[in-house]
N, C-alpha and C. Protein backbone atom coordinates (compact mmCIF):
# COMPACT_ATOMS: atom_id res chain seq x y z
N SER A 1 -15.73 -0.36 -0.10
CA SER A 1 -15.60 -0.61 1.53
C SER A 1 -15.90 -2.03 1.89
N PRO A 2 -14.54 -3.22 2.02
CA PRO A 2 -15.18 -4.74 2.71
C PRO A 2 -15.96 -4.32 3.51
N SER A 3 -17.13 -5.08 3.71
CA SER A 3 -17.87 -5.19 4.41
C SER A 3 -17.53 -6.24 5.84
N PHE A 4 -17.35 -5.97 7.15
CA PHE A 4 -16.96 -6.48 8.03
C PHE A 4 -15.61 -7.15 8.27
N VAL A 5 -15.07 -6.94 7.38
CA VAL A 5 -13.52 -7.40 6.63
C VAL A 5 -12.59 -6.35 7.15
N ILE A 6 -11.28 -6.61 7.94
CA ILE A 6 -10.97 -5.59 8.24
C ILE A 6 -9.58 -5.30 7.40
N LEU A 7 -8.95 -6.21 6.77
CA LEU A 7 -7.98 -6.18 5.69
C LEU A 7 -7.96 -6.81 4.85
N ASN A 8 -8.02 -6.48 3.49
CA ASN A 8 -7.98 -7.02 2.07
C ASN A 8 -6.72 -6.82 1.38
N GLU A 9 -6.49 -7.72 0.94
CA GLU A 9 -5.18 -7.64 -0.22
C GLU A 9 -5.53 -7.85 -1.42
N TYR A 10 -4.81 -6.90 -2.22
CA TYR A 10 -5.28 -6.76 -3.80
C TYR A 10 -3.96 -7.22 -4.48
N LYS A 11 -3.45 -8.09 -5.53
CA LYS A 11 -2.61 -8.03 -6.16
C LYS A 11 -2.38 -7.07 -7.25
N THR A 12 -1.30 -6.65 -7.59
CA THR A 12 -1.27 -5.77 -8.59
C THR A 12 0.09 -6.28 -9.39
N ASN A 13 0.37 -5.49 -10.52
CA ASN A 13 1.36 -5.89 -11.64
C ASN A 13 2.79 -5.21 -10.40
N PHE A 14 2.09 -4.05 -9.94
CA PHE A 14 3.64 -3.72 -9.61
C PHE A 14 3.91 -3.59 -7.93
N PHE A 15 2.95 -3.83 -6.97
CA PHE A 15 3.32 -3.68 -5.73
C PHE A 15 1.77 -4.66 -5.10
N PRO A 16 1.94 -4.69 -3.75
CA PRO A 16 0.88 -5.37 -3.14
C PRO A 16 0.00 -4.07 -2.52
N VAL A 17 -1.56 -4.27 -2.71
CA VAL A 17 -2.11 -2.96 -1.94
C VAL A 17 -2.83 -3.86 -0.99
N TYR A 18 -2.90 -3.47 -0.12
CA TYR A 18 -3.68 -3.49 1.27
C TYR A 18 -4.77 -2.24 2.07
N HIS A 19 -5.74 -2.63 2.04
CA HIS A 19 -6.88 -1.92 2.61
C HIS A 19 -7.61 -2.01 3.82
N PHE A 20 -6.86 -1.58 4.93
CA PHE A 20 -7.68 -1.36 6.31
C PHE A 20 -8.97 -1.08 6.23
N ASP A 21 -9.77 -1.28 7.02
CA ASP A 21 -10.98 -1.06 6.98
C ASP A 21 -11.01 -0.83 8.87
N LEU A 22 -10.89 0.40 9.39
CA LEU A 22 -11.22 0.26 10.50
C LEU A 22 -12.82 0.81 11.30
N TYR A 23 -13.43 0.79 10.84
CA TYR A 23 -14.76 0.85 11.05
C TYR A 23 -15.42 0.24 12.08
N ARG A 24 -15.20 -1.38 11.96
CA ARG A 24 -15.77 -2.08 12.91
C ARG A 24 -14.93 -1.74 14.43
N LEU A 25 -13.70 -1.19 14.28
CA LEU A 25 -12.99 -1.55 15.47
C LEU A 25 -13.23 -0.41 16.19
N GLU A 26 -13.98 0.61 15.84
CA GLU A 26 -14.04 1.72 16.37
C GLU A 26 -12.65 2.67 17.27
N PHE A 27 -12.45 3.41 18.32
CA PHE A 27 -11.71 3.64 18.72
C PHE A 27 -11.19 2.39 19.71
N GLY A 28 -11.42 1.85 20.38
CA GLY A 28 -10.95 1.23 21.23
C GLY A 28 -10.57 0.00 20.48
N GLY A 29 -10.54 -0.76 19.77
CA GLY A 29 -10.19 -2.24 18.82
C GLY A 29 -8.89 -1.77 18.46
N ILE A 30 -8.80 -0.67 18.03
CA ILE A 30 -7.48 -0.57 16.72
C ILE A 30 -6.06 -1.24 17.53
N GLY A 31 -5.82 -1.55 18.71
CA GLY A 31 -4.47 -2.06 19.23
C GLY A 31 -4.74 -3.13 19.15
N SER A 32 -5.79 -4.09 18.80
CA SER A 32 -5.72 -5.18 18.65
C SER A 32 -5.23 -5.69 16.93
N ILE A 33 -4.97 -4.38 16.11
CA ILE A 33 -4.15 -4.72 14.79
C ILE A 33 -3.01 -3.80 14.68
N LYS A 34 -2.95 -2.90 15.81
CA LYS A 34 -1.58 -2.75 15.57
C LYS A 34 -0.51 -2.94 14.82
N ASP A 35 0.05 -4.32 15.39
CA ASP A 35 1.17 -4.67 14.62
C ASP A 35 1.20 -4.82 13.29
N GLU A 36 0.11 -5.31 12.75
CA GLU A 36 -0.51 -5.20 11.01
C GLU A 36 -0.53 -4.33 10.49
N LEU A 37 -0.79 -3.27 10.99
CA LEU A 37 -0.60 -1.54 10.65
C LEU A 37 0.74 -0.90 10.32
N SER A 38 1.55 -1.52 11.15
CA SER A 38 3.25 -1.28 11.09
C SER A 38 3.38 -2.12 10.06
N GLU A 39 3.41 -3.78 9.60
CA GLU A 39 4.05 -4.60 8.90
C GLU A 39 3.45 -4.36 7.70
N TYR A 40 2.23 -3.59 7.40
CA TYR A 40 1.61 -3.66 6.03
C TYR A 40 1.86 -2.25 5.59
N SER A 41 2.52 -1.39 6.55
CA SER A 41 2.82 0.01 5.63
C SER A 41 4.75 0.53 5.64
N LYS A 42 5.12 -0.64 4.97
CA LYS A 42 6.26 -0.41 4.46
C LYS A 42 6.73 -0.02 3.24
N GLU A 43 7.82 0.03 2.93
CA GLU A 43 8.03 0.44 1.35
C GLU A 43 7.70 -0.56 0.30
N ASN A 44 7.69 0.00 -0.58
CA ASN A 44 7.12 -1.29 -2.03
C ASN A 44 5.87 -1.74 -1.53
N MET A 45 4.81 -1.07 -1.25
CA MET A 45 3.36 -1.48 -0.86
C MET A 45 2.75 0.09 -0.74
N LEU A 46 1.28 -0.31 -0.96
CA LEU A 46 0.41 0.88 -0.74
C LEU A 46 -0.81 0.49 -0.18
N THR A 47 -0.66 1.01 1.17
CA THR A 47 -1.54 0.32 2.31
C THR A 47 -2.37 1.86 2.31
N LEU A 48 -3.90 1.51 2.17
CA LEU A 48 -5.05 2.15 2.54
C LEU A 48 -5.61 1.82 3.80
N VAL A 49 -5.89 2.94 4.46
CA VAL A 49 -6.50 2.90 5.91
C VAL A 49 -8.04 4.05 5.84
N GLU A 50 -8.98 3.10 5.84
CA GLU A 50 -10.14 3.59 5.98
C GLU A 50 -10.73 3.92 7.35
N TRP A 51 -11.53 4.89 8.01
CA TRP A 51 -11.76 5.30 8.76
C TRP A 51 -10.44 5.35 9.66
N ALA A 52 -9.88 6.14 8.99
CA ALA A 52 -8.25 5.89 9.77
C ALA A 52 -8.28 6.93 11.03
N ASN A 53 -9.66 7.70 11.18
CA ASN A 53 -9.57 8.63 12.49
C ASN A 53 -9.48 7.61 13.82
N PHE A 54 -10.09 6.65 13.48
CA PHE A 54 -10.40 5.32 14.67
C PHE A 54 -8.95 5.25 15.60
N GLY A 55 -7.69 5.52 14.28
CA GLY A 55 -6.16 4.68 14.70
C GLY A 55 -5.28 5.27 14.42
N LEU A 56 -5.93 7.09 14.38
CA LEU A 56 -4.40 7.97 14.32
C LEU A 56 -3.32 7.61 14.87
N ASP A 57 -3.39 7.63 16.01
CA ASP A 57 -2.15 7.45 16.88
C ASP A 57 -1.10 5.94 16.35
N GLU A 58 -1.89 5.22 15.54
CA GLU A 58 -1.22 3.88 15.41
C GLU A 58 -0.60 4.39 13.84
N LEU A 59 -0.86 5.01 13.16
CA LEU A 59 -0.53 5.15 11.93
C LEU A 59 0.81 5.62 12.01
N PRO A 60 1.56 5.58 10.47
CA PRO A 60 3.03 5.95 10.36
C PRO A 60 2.96 7.66 10.48
N LEU A 61 3.57 8.38 10.94
CA LEU A 61 3.85 9.54 11.13
C LEU A 61 3.92 10.19 9.51
N GLU A 62 4.88 9.58 8.59
CA GLU A 62 4.90 9.97 7.53
C GLU A 62 4.09 9.51 6.65
N ARG A 63 2.99 9.99 5.84
CA ARG A 63 1.97 9.51 5.26
C ARG A 63 1.24 10.32 4.34
N MET A 64 0.73 9.72 3.40
CA MET A 64 -0.26 10.88 2.80
C MET A 64 -1.74 10.26 2.76
N GLU A 65 -2.55 11.89 3.06
CA GLU A 65 -3.48 11.64 3.73
C GLU A 65 -5.03 11.66 2.61
N LEU A 66 -6.16 11.19 2.21
CA LEU A 66 -6.91 11.77 1.48
C LEU A 66 -8.55 11.56 2.09
N LYS A 67 -8.82 12.84 2.64
CA LYS A 67 -10.43 12.90 2.79
C LYS A 67 -11.31 13.00 1.84
N ILE A 68 -12.00 12.63 1.87
CA ILE A 68 -13.43 12.81 0.67
C ILE A 68 -14.78 12.93 2.19
N GLY A 69 -15.03 14.60 1.14
CA GLY A 69 -16.35 14.97 1.93
C GLY A 69 -17.37 14.70 0.94
N TYR A 70 -18.52 14.53 1.38
CA TYR A 70 -19.74 14.24 0.74
C TYR A 70 -20.45 16.06 -0.12
N ILE A 71 -20.65 15.94 -0.96
CA ILE A 71 -21.30 17.45 -1.53
C ILE A 71 -22.77 16.87 -1.81
N GLU A 72 -23.07 16.15 -2.76
CA GLU A 72 -24.39 15.62 -2.58
C GLU A 72 -24.23 14.50 -3.64
N ASP A 73 -25.34 13.56 -3.74
CA ASP A 73 -25.16 12.63 -4.49
C ASP A 73 -24.14 11.98 -5.41
N GLU A 74 -24.01 12.84 -6.28
CA GLU A 74 -23.30 12.59 -7.25
C GLU A 74 -22.00 13.49 -7.12
N LYS A 75 -21.65 14.02 -6.08
CA LYS A 75 -20.64 14.78 -6.07
C LYS A 75 -20.06 14.24 -4.73
N ARG A 76 -18.37 14.37 -4.81
CA ARG A 76 -17.66 14.07 -3.50
C ARG A 76 -16.42 15.50 -3.60
N ASN A 77 -15.57 15.73 -2.40
CA ASN A 77 -14.93 16.65 -2.62
C ASN A 77 -13.35 16.06 -1.97
N PHE A 78 -12.40 15.87 -2.52
CA PHE A 78 -11.00 15.26 -2.36
C PHE A 78 -9.95 16.07 -1.93
N GLU A 79 -9.71 15.90 -0.60
CA GLU A 79 -8.77 17.02 -0.13
C GLU A 79 -7.52 16.55 0.22
N PHE A 80 -6.15 16.28 -0.34
CA PHE A 80 -5.28 15.64 -0.46
C PHE A 80 -4.34 16.29 0.70
N SER A 81 -3.13 15.68 1.05
CA SER A 81 -2.24 16.60 2.21
C SER A 81 -1.22 15.49 2.40
N GLY A 82 0.06 15.90 2.51
CA GLY A 82 1.29 15.17 2.31
C GLY A 82 2.08 15.53 3.65
N SER A 83 2.45 14.46 4.89
CA SER A 83 3.09 15.00 6.13
C SER A 83 4.73 15.48 6.10
N ASN A 84 5.23 14.84 4.64
CA ASN A 84 6.31 15.64 4.22
C ASN A 84 6.54 16.21 3.11
N ASP A 85 7.72 16.87 2.42
CA ASP A 85 7.96 16.80 0.96
C ASP A 85 7.92 16.04 0.31
N TYR A 86 8.26 14.52 0.34
CA TYR A 86 8.20 13.49 -0.80
C TYR A 86 6.40 13.29 -0.90
N TYR A 87 5.74 13.46 -0.07
CA TYR A 87 4.24 12.93 -0.10
C TYR A 87 3.70 14.86 -1.18
N LYS A 88 4.03 15.64 -0.74
CA LYS A 88 3.51 17.28 -1.08
C LYS A 88 4.11 16.75 -2.52
N LYS A 89 5.15 16.54 -2.79
CA LYS A 89 5.83 16.87 -4.19
C LYS A 89 4.71 15.60 -5.23
N ILE A 90 4.55 14.34 -4.93
CA ILE A 90 3.87 13.42 -5.37
C ILE A 90 2.03 13.71 -5.84
N ILE A 91 1.64 14.56 -4.55
CA ILE A 91 0.05 15.25 -4.84
C ILE A 91 0.51 16.42 -5.65
N GLU A 92 1.32 17.31 -5.46
CA GLU A 92 1.22 18.52 -6.50
C GLU A 92 1.71 17.57 -8.01
N LYS A 93 2.21 16.89 -8.39
CA LYS A 93 2.75 16.13 -9.90
C LYS A 93 1.12 15.86 -10.07
N THR A 94 0.87 14.82 -9.90
CA THR A 94 -0.61 14.35 -9.87
C THR A 94 -1.43 15.38 -10.10
N ALA A 95 -1.76 16.41 -8.96
CA ALA A 95 -2.57 17.57 -9.50
C ALA A 95 -2.63 18.04 -10.73
N LYS A 96 -1.18 18.36 -11.17
CA LYS A 96 -0.86 19.08 -12.22
C LYS A 96 -0.89 18.11 -13.69
N GLU A 97 -0.50 16.51 -13.57
CA GLU A 97 -0.97 15.99 -14.60
C GLU A 97 -2.28 15.21 -15.07
N PHE A 98 -3.26 15.75 -13.65
CA PHE A 98 -4.96 15.52 -13.76
C PHE A 98 -5.23 17.03 -14.49
N TYR A 99 -4.75 17.90 -14.13
CA TYR A 99 -5.64 19.02 -14.49
C TYR A 99 -4.90 19.11 -16.11
N GLU A 100 -3.82 18.85 -16.56
CA GLU A 100 -3.32 18.73 -18.13
C GLU A 100 -4.24 17.82 -18.41
N HIS A 101 -4.64 16.78 -18.09
CA HIS A 101 -5.27 15.67 -18.82
C HIS A 101 -6.45 16.20 -18.89
N ILE A 102 -7.31 16.75 -18.16
CA ILE A 102 -8.99 17.28 -18.39
C ILE A 102 -9.01 18.81 -19.25
N ASN A 103 -8.00 19.17 -19.11
CA ASN A 103 -7.63 20.46 -19.74
C ASN A 103 -7.65 20.25 -21.57
N ASN A 104 -7.52 19.39 -21.67
CA ASN A 104 -7.07 18.79 -23.30
C ASN A 104 -8.35 17.86 -23.98
């Protein structure tokens, strides 16, 4: 997580990746970057929103969510969900490939 930075851009060989960190904005400040969230949440880009609970009303309705839960120092729980069939299929395919990989 970038410290005190609301938006970071990462270049890849495939598509741009944008990382929003809404923690510093808390609930009231999300309106100040509403346009940017929309602009950077289009096709052919990956937009990651950390602390998304501070801006749920401003996020795209169609999206994939990842919730990371703390279990203990070296363990985390990852919970994926998709808002539509497209994202649900991506999650299912990724999970299947992951389990096949770790079981071989």
